[in-house]
Amino acid sequence: MTIKVAQRGYEEALSWLREHGFDLIEAPGMQGRVFLRKYNVSAAIQKDGDDGVKIFAYPGYLIGSEISKLVNRGYQQFLKTAKTEVPATADHLKALQQFTEELKEGLGLPVLYNESLGTVSESYQYDRIKDRDKPKAERPKRPWEKAGLTAAAAKKGRA
């Protein structure tokens, strides 16, 4: 069952966000771009076209004055900024999810099923697939490659 969501215009979205407790700060030197803050989470939206609105900077928990990026390493989620990286707590994730849902409601954007289940990371960096996107010559050697084993031989040894 598909539900149509009525997307709000820029001014209408700003009004809705103000009414629902978001702090709005005009981006310096940029007309039509606004930073939002609530629950110690921040994001930025901007005017899109005549009256549309889109997310410019995706929601991230504030660490100092910097918006962090949520990184999933498989065993733990982290809040990463240019200067630091800290483990994400349940409170961080709850604040991020609440902020994101309210933001999407305010902008009239659809909330996807997987996003409603919990916080969705901006980046997934599992250790077993790390560096797979690099050319083979640039990839670091895996432990079994250093030992001179092939991947098949390493799997066979575990059986």
N, C-alpha and C. Protein backbone atom coordinates (compact mmCIF):
# COMPACT_ATOMS: atom_id res chain seq x y z
N MET A 1 0.83 -1.18 0.00
CA MET A 1 0.00 0.00 0.00
C MET A 1 0.88 1.25 0.00
N THR A 2 0.77 2.06 -1.01
CA THR A 2 1.56 3.26 -1.15
C THR A 2 0.81 4.45 -0.58
N ILE A 3 1.51 5.25 0.19
CA ILE A 3 0.91 6.44 0.77
C ILE A 3 1.63 7.65 0.18
N LYS A 4 0.88 8.55 -0.40
CA LYS A 4 1.45 9.79 -0.96
C LYS A 4 1.71 10.76 0.18
N VAL A 5 2.88 11.36 0.17
CA VAL A 5 3.24 12.34 1.18
C VAL A 5 3.29 13.70 0.50
N ALA A 6 2.59 14.66 1.06
CA ALA A 6 2.58 16.01 0.49
C ALA A 6 3.82 16.76 0.95
N GLN A 7 4.73 17.03 0.01
CA GLN A 7 5.95 17.74 0.35
C GLN A 7 5.63 19.21 0.62
N ARG A 8 6.22 19.76 1.67
CA ARG A 8 5.96 21.14 2.05
C ARG A 8 6.88 22.07 1.26
N GLY A 9 6.42 23.29 1.08
CA GLY A 9 7.26 24.33 0.50
C GLY A 9 8.27 24.80 1.52
N TYR A 10 9.24 25.59 1.08
CA TYR A 10 10.33 26.05 1.93
C TYR A 10 9.82 26.84 3.13
N GLU A 11 9.03 27.87 2.90
CA GLU A 11 8.53 28.71 4.00
C GLU A 11 7.60 27.92 4.92
N GLU A 12 6.77 27.07 4.34
CA GLU A 12 5.85 26.24 5.14
C GLU A 12 6.65 25.28 6.03
N ALA A 13 7.72 24.70 5.49
CA ALA A 13 8.56 23.78 6.26
C ALA A 13 9.24 24.52 7.41
N LEU A 14 9.78 25.72 7.14
CA LEU A 14 10.44 26.50 8.20
C LEU A 14 9.45 26.82 9.32
N SER A 15 8.25 27.19 8.95
CA SER A 15 7.22 27.50 9.93
C SER A 15 6.89 26.27 10.78
N TRP A 16 6.72 25.10 10.14
CA TRP A 16 6.41 23.86 10.86
C TRP A 16 7.54 23.51 11.82
N LEU A 17 8.78 23.63 11.36
CA LEU A 17 9.93 23.28 12.19
C LEU A 17 10.03 24.20 13.41
N ARG A 18 9.80 25.49 13.22
CA ARG A 18 9.82 26.44 14.36
C ARG A 18 8.75 26.06 15.37
N GLU A 19 7.54 25.76 14.88
CA GLU A 19 6.43 25.42 15.77
C GLU A 19 6.68 24.14 16.56
N HIS A 20 7.54 23.27 16.06
CA HIS A 20 7.80 21.99 16.71
C HIS A 20 9.13 21.95 17.45
N GLY A 21 9.65 23.14 17.81
CA GLY A 21 10.78 23.21 18.73
C GLY A 21 12.16 23.14 18.11
N PHE A 22 12.29 23.25 16.80
CA PHE A 22 13.61 23.26 16.17
C PHE A 22 14.20 24.66 16.28
N ASP A 23 15.49 24.74 16.56
CA ASP A 23 16.22 26.01 16.51
C ASP A 23 16.69 26.19 15.08
N LEU A 24 16.40 27.33 14.47
CA LEU A 24 16.78 27.61 13.09
C LEU A 24 17.83 28.71 13.07
N ILE A 25 18.93 28.47 12.37
CA ILE A 25 20.01 29.44 12.25
C ILE A 25 20.30 29.61 10.77
N GLU A 26 20.19 30.85 10.27
CA GLU A 26 20.51 31.14 8.88
C GLU A 26 21.99 30.89 8.64
N ALA A 27 22.32 30.20 7.55
CA ALA A 27 23.72 29.94 7.21
C ALA A 27 24.36 31.26 6.79
N PRO A 28 25.52 31.58 7.36
CA PRO A 28 26.16 32.85 7.03
C PRO A 28 26.57 32.90 5.55
N GLY A 29 26.19 33.98 4.89
CA GLY A 29 26.57 34.19 3.49
C GLY A 29 25.80 33.35 2.49
N MET A 30 24.81 32.58 2.95
CA MET A 30 24.05 31.71 2.04
C MET A 30 22.57 31.99 2.22
N GLN A 31 21.96 32.55 1.21
CA GLN A 31 20.53 32.80 1.28
C GLN A 31 19.80 31.52 0.91
N GLY A 32 18.77 31.18 1.69
CA GLY A 32 17.98 29.99 1.40
C GLY A 32 18.55 28.72 2.00
N ARG A 33 19.52 28.83 2.91
CA ARG A 33 20.08 27.66 3.60
C ARG A 33 19.98 27.89 5.10
N VAL A 34 19.46 26.88 5.82
CA VAL A 34 19.22 27.02 7.25
C VAL A 34 19.76 25.80 7.98
N PHE A 35 20.44 26.04 9.12
CA PHE A 35 20.87 24.96 10.00
C PHE A 35 19.78 24.75 11.05
N LEU A 36 19.49 23.50 11.35
CA LEU A 36 18.46 23.14 12.32
C LEU A 36 19.12 22.44 13.50
N ARG A 37 18.54 22.61 14.69
CA ARG A 37 19.08 21.93 15.86
C ARG A 37 17.96 21.58 16.82
N LYS A 38 18.02 20.35 17.33
CA LYS A 38 17.10 19.86 18.34
C LYS A 38 17.68 18.56 18.88
N TYR A 39 17.51 18.28 20.15
CA TYR A 39 18.04 17.06 20.81
C TYR A 39 19.56 16.94 20.69
N ASN A 40 20.28 18.06 20.54
CA ASN A 40 21.72 18.09 20.32
C ASN A 40 22.10 17.42 19.00
N VAL A 41 21.19 17.41 18.06
CA VAL A 41 21.41 16.89 16.71
C VAL A 41 21.20 18.06 15.76
N SER A 42 21.96 18.10 14.69
CA SER A 42 21.85 19.20 13.75
C SER A 42 21.83 18.68 12.31
N ALA A 43 21.24 19.48 11.43
CA ALA A 43 21.21 19.20 10.00
C ALA A 43 21.06 20.55 9.30
N ALA A 44 21.15 20.54 7.99
CA ALA A 44 20.95 21.77 7.22
C ALA A 44 20.01 21.48 6.07
N ILE A 45 19.12 22.43 5.81
CA ILE A 45 18.22 22.32 4.67
C ILE A 45 18.43 23.55 3.80
N GLN A 46 18.03 23.42 2.54
CA GLN A 46 18.14 24.56 1.66
C GLN A 46 16.97 24.61 0.70
N LYS A 47 16.74 25.78 0.18
CA LYS A 47 15.67 25.99 -0.78
C LYS A 47 16.05 25.29 -2.07
N ASP A 48 15.09 24.61 -2.66
CA ASP A 48 15.34 23.85 -3.89
C ASP A 48 14.35 24.33 -4.96
N GLY A 49 14.86 25.01 -5.94
CA GLY A 49 13.98 25.51 -6.99
C GLY A 49 13.17 26.69 -6.49
N ASP A 50 11.94 26.80 -7.01
CA ASP A 50 11.08 27.92 -6.64
C ASP A 50 10.63 27.86 -5.19
N ASP A 51 10.04 26.73 -4.80
CA ASP A 51 9.51 26.64 -3.43
C ASP A 51 9.80 25.29 -2.78
N GLY A 52 10.65 24.49 -3.37
CA GLY A 52 10.96 23.19 -2.80
C GLY A 52 11.98 23.31 -1.68
N VAL A 53 12.19 22.23 -0.98
CA VAL A 53 13.17 22.18 0.10
C VAL A 53 13.86 20.82 0.06
N LYS A 54 15.17 20.82 0.32
CA LYS A 54 15.90 19.55 0.37
C LYS A 54 16.92 19.59 1.49
N ILE A 55 17.31 18.42 1.92
CA ILE A 55 18.31 18.31 2.99
C ILE A 55 19.69 18.54 2.38
N PHE A 56 20.43 19.49 2.94
CA PHE A 56 21.77 19.80 2.44
C PHE A 56 22.83 19.03 3.23
N ALA A 57 22.72 19.05 4.56
CA ALA A 57 23.64 18.30 5.43
C ALA A 57 22.79 17.36 6.26
N TYR A 58 23.03 16.07 6.13
CA TYR A 58 22.21 15.08 6.81
C TYR A 58 22.40 15.15 8.32
N PRO A 59 21.39 14.72 9.06
CA PRO A 59 21.44 14.83 10.52
C PRO A 59 22.65 14.11 11.13
N GLY A 60 23.23 14.78 12.10
CA GLY A 60 24.35 14.21 12.84
C GLY A 60 24.36 14.77 14.25
N TYR A 61 24.80 13.97 15.19
CA TYR A 61 24.88 14.39 16.58
C TYR A 61 25.99 15.44 16.69
N LEU A 62 25.76 16.48 17.47
CA LEU A 62 26.76 17.53 17.62
C LEU A 62 27.83 17.12 18.62
N ILE A 63 29.06 17.16 18.18
CA ILE A 63 30.21 16.93 19.05
C ILE A 63 31.01 18.22 18.99
N GLY A 64 30.99 18.94 20.10
CA GLY A 64 31.53 20.30 20.08
C GLY A 64 30.60 21.14 19.22
N SER A 65 31.13 21.77 18.20
CA SER A 65 30.29 22.56 17.29
C SER A 65 30.21 21.90 15.92
N GLU A 66 30.66 20.66 15.83
CA GLU A 66 30.72 19.96 14.54
C GLU A 66 29.63 18.89 14.44
N ILE A 67 29.01 18.80 13.26
CA ILE A 67 28.00 17.76 13.01
C ILE A 67 28.75 16.47 12.69
N SER A 68 28.49 15.43 13.49
CA SER A 68 29.18 14.16 13.29
C SER A 68 28.49 13.34 12.21
N LYS A 69 29.21 12.37 11.71
CA LYS A 69 28.70 11.42 10.72
C LYS A 69 28.61 10.07 11.43
N LEU A 70 27.49 9.38 11.28
CA LEU A 70 27.32 8.07 11.92
C LEU A 70 27.95 7.00 11.04
N VAL A 71 28.91 6.28 11.61
CA VAL A 71 29.63 5.24 10.88
C VAL A 71 29.36 3.90 11.56
N ASN A 72 28.99 2.90 10.78
CA ASN A 72 28.70 1.57 11.30
C ASN A 72 29.87 0.66 10.94
N ARG A 73 30.51 0.09 11.95
CA ARG A 73 31.63 -0.82 11.71
C ARG A 73 31.24 -2.27 11.95
N GLY A 74 29.95 -2.57 11.97
CA GLY A 74 29.49 -3.95 12.14
C GLY A 74 29.31 -4.33 13.59
N TYR A 75 30.29 -4.09 14.41
CA TYR A 75 30.23 -4.45 15.82
C TYR A 75 29.84 -3.25 16.69
N GLN A 76 29.95 -2.05 16.15
CA GLN A 76 29.69 -0.83 16.92
C GLN A 76 29.46 0.32 15.95
N GLN A 77 28.60 1.26 16.35
CA GLN A 77 28.42 2.47 15.57
C GLN A 77 29.21 3.58 16.24
N PHE A 78 29.77 4.49 15.42
CA PHE A 78 30.61 5.57 15.92
C PHE A 78 30.12 6.90 15.38
N LEU A 79 30.34 7.96 16.15
CA LEU A 79 30.09 9.32 15.70
C LEU A 79 31.45 9.89 15.32
N LYS A 80 31.60 10.24 14.04
CA LYS A 80 32.91 10.67 13.54
C LYS A 80 32.85 12.11 13.05
N THR A 81 33.82 12.90 13.49
CA THR A 81 33.99 14.26 12.99
C THR A 81 35.39 14.34 12.37
N ALA A 82 35.75 15.51 11.91
CA ALA A 82 37.08 15.69 11.32
C ALA A 82 38.18 15.52 12.37
N LYS A 83 37.84 15.79 13.65
CA LYS A 83 38.85 15.76 14.70
C LYS A 83 38.80 14.53 15.60
N THR A 84 37.64 13.91 15.73
CA THR A 84 37.49 12.84 16.71
C THR A 84 36.49 11.79 16.27
N GLU A 85 36.51 10.69 16.97
CA GLU A 85 35.56 9.60 16.74
C GLU A 85 35.22 8.99 18.09
N VAL A 86 33.90 8.95 18.40
CA VAL A 86 33.47 8.40 19.68
C VAL A 86 32.42 7.33 19.46
N PRO A 87 32.37 6.31 20.32
CA PRO A 87 31.32 5.29 20.19
C PRO A 87 29.95 5.92 20.40
N ALA A 88 29.00 5.54 19.58
CA ALA A 88 27.63 6.06 19.70
C ALA A 88 26.90 5.29 20.79
N THR A 89 26.26 6.01 21.69
CA THR A 89 25.48 5.38 22.76
C THR A 89 24.03 5.26 22.32
N ALA A 90 23.25 4.54 23.12
CA ALA A 90 21.82 4.40 22.83
C ALA A 90 21.14 5.77 22.84
N ASP A 91 21.55 6.66 23.73
CA ASP A 91 20.97 8.01 23.78
C ASP A 91 21.27 8.80 22.51
N HIS A 92 22.50 8.67 22.00
CA HIS A 92 22.87 9.34 20.75
C HIS A 92 21.97 8.85 19.61
N LEU A 93 21.84 7.54 19.51
CA LEU A 93 21.07 6.95 18.41
C LEU A 93 19.59 7.29 18.51
N LYS A 94 19.07 7.30 19.73
CA LYS A 94 17.66 7.66 19.93
C LYS A 94 17.41 9.11 19.51
N ALA A 95 18.32 10.01 19.90
CA ALA A 95 18.19 11.42 19.53
C ALA A 95 18.26 11.59 18.01
N LEU A 96 19.20 10.89 17.37
CA LEU A 96 19.32 10.96 15.90
C LEU A 96 18.06 10.48 15.21
N GLN A 97 17.51 9.36 15.67
CA GLN A 97 16.32 8.82 15.03
C GLN A 97 15.12 9.75 15.22
N GLN A 98 14.93 10.26 16.43
CA GLN A 98 13.82 11.16 16.70
C GLN A 98 13.92 12.43 15.85
N PHE A 99 15.11 13.00 15.80
CA PHE A 99 15.34 14.21 15.01
C PHE A 99 15.04 13.96 13.54
N THR A 100 15.56 12.87 13.01
CA THR A 100 15.38 12.55 11.59
C THR A 100 13.92 12.35 11.24
N GLU A 101 13.18 11.64 12.09
CA GLU A 101 11.76 11.42 11.81
C GLU A 101 10.99 12.73 11.84
N GLU A 102 11.27 13.58 12.82
CA GLU A 102 10.59 14.87 12.90
C GLU A 102 10.97 15.77 11.72
N LEU A 103 12.22 15.75 11.33
CA LEU A 103 12.68 16.56 10.20
C LEU A 103 11.95 16.14 8.92
N LYS A 104 11.90 14.83 8.68
CA LYS A 104 11.23 14.35 7.47
C LYS A 104 9.74 14.67 7.49
N GLU A 105 9.13 14.60 8.66
CA GLU A 105 7.73 14.97 8.76
C GLU A 105 7.55 16.45 8.45
N GLY A 106 8.45 17.27 8.98
CA GLY A 106 8.38 18.72 8.75
C GLY A 106 8.58 19.10 7.30
N LEU A 107 9.42 18.36 6.59
CA LEU A 107 9.68 18.66 5.18
C LEU A 107 8.68 17.97 4.26
N GLY A 108 7.90 17.05 4.82
CA GLY A 108 6.94 16.32 3.99
C GLY A 108 7.62 15.24 3.16
N LEU A 109 8.72 14.69 3.67
CA LEU A 109 9.44 13.62 2.97
C LEU A 109 8.99 12.27 3.50
N PRO A 110 9.01 11.24 2.67
CA PRO A 110 8.60 9.92 3.15
C PRO A 110 9.62 9.32 4.12
N VAL A 111 9.12 8.58 5.10
CA VAL A 111 9.99 7.84 6.02
C VAL A 111 9.97 6.40 5.55
N LEU A 112 11.13 5.87 5.23
CA LEU A 112 11.22 4.51 4.70
C LEU A 112 11.18 3.49 5.83
N TYR A 113 10.73 2.28 5.51
CA TYR A 113 10.55 1.23 6.50
C TYR A 113 11.84 0.96 7.28
N ASN A 114 12.96 0.78 6.57
CA ASN A 114 14.21 0.45 7.26
C ASN A 114 14.67 1.59 8.17
N GLU A 115 14.32 2.82 7.84
CA GLU A 115 14.69 3.95 8.69
C GLU A 115 13.83 3.99 9.95
N SER A 116 12.59 3.54 9.85
CA SER A 116 11.72 3.58 11.01
C SER A 116 12.07 2.50 12.03
N LEU A 117 12.83 1.49 11.62
CA LEU A 117 13.24 0.43 12.54
C LEU A 117 14.33 0.87 13.49
N GLY A 118 15.12 1.83 13.07
CA GLY A 118 16.23 2.30 13.90
C GLY A 118 17.09 3.26 13.13
N THR A 119 18.15 3.69 13.74
CA THR A 119 19.03 4.66 13.13
C THR A 119 19.78 4.03 11.96
N VAL A 120 19.80 4.72 10.86
CA VAL A 120 20.50 4.26 9.67
C VAL A 120 21.79 5.04 9.55
N SER A 121 22.90 4.33 9.40
CA SER A 121 24.20 4.97 9.31
C SER A 121 24.41 5.56 7.94
N GLU A 122 25.22 6.59 7.90
CA GLU A 122 25.57 7.22 6.63
C GLU A 122 26.65 6.41 5.93
N SER A 123 27.42 5.63 6.71
CA SER A 123 28.52 4.87 6.16
C SER A 123 28.64 3.53 6.88
N TYR A 124 28.87 2.47 6.12
CA TYR A 124 29.07 1.14 6.68
C TYR A 124 30.48 0.70 6.34
N GLN A 125 31.30 0.42 7.35
CA GLN A 125 32.70 0.08 7.12
C GLN A 125 33.05 -1.20 7.88
N TYR A 126 32.58 -2.31 7.38
CA TYR A 126 32.88 -3.58 8.01
C TYR A 126 34.32 -3.95 7.71
N ASP A 127 35.01 -4.50 8.70
CA ASP A 127 36.44 -4.78 8.53
C ASP A 127 36.73 -5.80 7.43
N ARG A 128 35.85 -6.72 7.17
CA ARG A 128 36.12 -7.74 6.15
C ARG A 128 35.97 -7.22 4.73
N ILE A 129 35.27 -6.12 4.56
CA ILE A 129 35.13 -5.59 3.21
C ILE A 129 35.86 -4.27 3.04
N LYS A 130 36.56 -3.85 4.07
CA LYS A 130 37.31 -2.60 4.01
C LYS A 130 38.34 -2.67 2.89
N ASP A 131 38.44 -1.64 2.12
CA ASP A 131 39.40 -1.48 1.02
C ASP A 131 39.09 -2.33 -0.20
N ARG A 132 37.95 -3.01 -0.25
CA ARG A 132 37.61 -3.81 -1.43
C ARG A 132 37.40 -2.97 -2.68
N ASP A 133 37.05 -1.71 -2.50
CA ASP A 133 36.79 -0.85 -3.64
C ASP A 133 38.08 -0.31 -4.28
N LYS A 134 39.21 -0.53 -3.63
CA LYS A 134 40.49 -0.08 -4.17
C LYS A 134 41.02 -1.10 -5.18
N PRO A 135 41.88 -0.66 -6.11
CA PRO A 135 42.51 -1.62 -7.02
C PRO A 135 43.32 -2.65 -6.22
N LYS A 136 43.42 -3.86 -6.74
CA LYS A 136 44.06 -4.96 -6.02
C LYS A 136 45.48 -4.60 -5.54
N ALA A 137 46.22 -3.88 -6.35
CA ALA A 137 47.59 -3.52 -5.98
C ALA A 137 47.65 -2.58 -4.77
N GLU A 138 46.60 -1.80 -4.56
CA GLU A 138 46.58 -0.83 -3.46
C GLU A 138 45.98 -1.39 -2.17
N ARG A 139 45.37 -2.56 -2.22
CA ARG A 139 44.73 -3.15 -1.04
C ARG A 139 45.80 -3.68 -0.08
N PRO A 140 45.60 -3.51 1.22
CA PRO A 140 46.55 -4.13 2.16
C PRO A 140 46.39 -5.65 2.13
N LYS A 141 47.46 -6.34 2.42
CA LYS A 141 47.41 -7.80 2.42
C LYS A 141 46.62 -8.29 3.62
N ARG A 142 45.78 -9.29 3.38
CA ARG A 142 44.99 -9.93 4.43
C ARG A 142 45.90 -10.91 5.17
N PRO A 143 45.54 -11.28 6.41
CA PRO A 143 46.40 -12.19 7.18
C PRO A 143 46.71 -13.49 6.44
N TRP A 144 45.73 -14.06 5.74
CA TRP A 144 45.98 -15.31 5.03
C TRP A 144 46.87 -15.11 3.81
N GLU A 145 46.86 -13.89 3.26
CA GLU A 145 47.75 -13.61 2.13
C GLU A 145 49.19 -13.46 2.62
N LYS A 146 49.35 -12.88 3.80
CA LYS A 146 50.68 -12.73 4.38
C LYS A 146 51.28 -14.09 4.70
N ALA A 147 50.43 -15.05 5.09
CA ALA A 147 50.90 -16.39 5.44
C ALA A 147 51.12 -17.24 4.20
N GLY A 148 50.77 -16.71 3.02
CA GLY A 148 50.98 -17.45 1.78
C GLY A 148 49.87 -18.41 1.43
N LEU A 149 48.72 -18.32 2.11
CA LEU A 149 47.59 -19.18 1.82
C LEU A 149 46.65 -18.51 0.82
N THR A 150 45.92 -19.30 0.08
CA THR A 150 44.86 -18.76 -0.77
C THR A 150 43.60 -18.68 0.09
N ALA A 151 42.62 -17.94 -0.37
CA ALA A 151 41.37 -17.84 0.39
C ALA A 151 40.70 -19.20 0.52
N ALA A 152 40.75 -20.02 -0.52
CA ALA A 152 40.15 -21.34 -0.48
C ALA A 152 40.84 -22.22 0.55
N ALA A 153 42.17 -22.15 0.60
CA ALA A 153 42.92 -22.97 1.56
C ALA A 153 42.64 -22.50 3.00
N ALA A 154 42.50 -21.19 3.16
CA ALA A 154 42.21 -20.68 4.49
C ALA A 154 40.83 -21.14 4.97
N LYS A 155 39.84 -21.17 4.08
CA LYS A 155 38.49 -21.64 4.43
C LYS A 155 38.52 -23.13 4.73
N LYS A 156 39.28 -23.89 3.94
CA LYS A 156 39.36 -25.34 4.13
C LYS A 156 39.99 -25.68 5.47
N GLY A 157 40.96 -24.88 5.91
CA GLY A 157 41.61 -25.11 7.19
C GLY A 157 40.70 -24.89 8.37
N ARG A 158 39.65 -24.07 8.18
CA ARG A 158 38.70 -23.79 9.27
C ARG A 158 37.67 -24.90 9.41
N ALA A 159 37.44 -25.68 8.37
CA ALA A 159 36.37 -26.68 8.37
C ALA A 159 36.63 -27.80 9.31
